[in-house]
């Protein structure tokens, strides 16, 4: 489910390099939160 990113703005790649770490961190946090929610549902069931 990897989406291909087309660079329109020539400045965009460098911006993404700055933004990417925080995006990855947020994605990781979301993943962990989702796993915790799933675990809690499984335990309570």
C-alpha atoms as a PDB file:
ATOM      1  CA  UNK A   1       0.000   0.000   0.000  1.00  0.00           C
ATOM      2  CA  UNK A   2       2.880   2.336  -0.796  1.00  0.00           C
ATOM      3  CA  UNK A   3       1.760   5.453  -2.623  1.00  0.00           C
ATOM      4  CA  UNK A   4       4.093   6.898  -5.205  1.00  0.00           C
ATOM      5  CA  UNK A   5       4.844  10.563  -4.639  1.00  0.00           C
ATOM      6  CA  UNK A   6       5.306  12.766  -7.685  1.00  0.00           C
ATOM      7  CA  UNK A   7       7.518  15.769  -7.025  1.00  0.00           C
ATOM      8  CA  UNK A   8       6.034  18.844  -8.665  1.00  0.00           C
ATOM      9  CA  UNK A   9       7.855  21.514  -6.670  1.00  0.00           C
ATOM     10  CA  UNK A  10      11.668  21.222  -6.983  1.00  0.00           C
ATOM     11  CA  UNK A  11      11.973  22.365  -3.353  1.00  0.00           C
ATOM     12  CA  UNK A  12       9.678  19.610  -2.143  1.00  0.00           C
ATOM     13  CA  UNK A  13      12.234  16.786  -1.740  1.00  0.00           C
ATOM     14  CA  UNK A  14      14.328  18.793   0.738  1.00  0.00           C
ATOM     15  CA  UNK A  15      11.175  19.812   2.611  1.00  0.00           C
ATOM     16  CA  UNK A  16      10.126  16.176   2.857  1.00  0.00           C
ATOM     17  CA  UNK A  17      13.541  15.268   4.264  1.00  0.00           C
ATOM     18  CA  UNK A  18      12.915  17.785   7.049  1.00  0.00           C
ATOM     19  CA  UNK A  19       9.315  16.681   7.648  1.00  0.00           C
ATOM     20  CA  UNK A  20       9.762  12.927   7.213  1.00  0.00           C
ATOM     21  CA  UNK A  21      11.148  12.090  10.680  1.00  0.00           C
ATOM     22  CA  UNK A  22       8.127  13.639  12.401  1.00  0.00           C
ATOM     23  CA  UNK A  23       5.755  11.905   9.961  1.00  0.00           C
ATOM     24  CA  UNK A  24       7.417   8.564  10.672  1.00  0.00           C
ATOM     25  CA  UNK A  25       7.293   9.215  14.418  1.00  0.00           C
ATOM     26  CA  UNK A  26       3.593  10.077  14.221  1.00  0.00           C
ATOM     27  CA  UNK A  27       2.883   6.991  12.111  1.00  0.00           C
ATOM     28  CA  UNK A  28       4.725   4.824  14.637  1.00  0.00           C
ATOM     29  CA  UNK A  29       2.755   6.358  17.519  1.00  0.00           C
ATOM     30  CA  UNK A  30      -0.519   5.747  15.652  1.00  0.00           C
ATOM     31  CA  UNK A  31       0.482   2.133  14.968  1.00  0.00           C
ATOM     32  CA  UNK A  32       1.355   1.527  18.619  1.00  0.00           C
ATOM     33  CA  UNK A  33      -1.890   3.137  19.787  1.00  0.00           C
ATOM     34  CA  UNK A  34      -3.894   0.985  17.368  1.00  0.00           C
ATOM     35  CA  UNK A  35      -2.107  -2.150  18.580  1.00  0.00           C
ATOM     36  CA  UNK A  36      -2.814  -1.186  22.199  1.00  0.00           C
ATOM     37  CA  UNK A  37      -6.503  -0.667  21.409  1.00  0.00           C
ATOM     38  CA  UNK A  38      -6.605  -4.060  19.678  1.00  0.00           C
ATOM     39  CA  UNK A  39      -4.827  -5.738  22.597  1.00  0.00           C
ATOM     40  CA  UNK A  40      -7.252  -4.196  25.077  1.00  0.00           C
ATOM     41  CA  UNK A  41     -10.251  -5.397  23.065  1.00  0.00           C
ATOM     42  CA  UNK A  42      -8.795  -8.909  22.898  1.00  0.00           C
ATOM     43  CA  UNK A  43      -8.162  -8.958  26.662  1.00  0.00           C
ATOM     44  CA  UNK A  44     -11.642  -7.715  27.546  1.00  0.00           C
ATOM     45  CA  UNK A  45     -13.363 -10.143  25.156  1.00  0.00           C
END
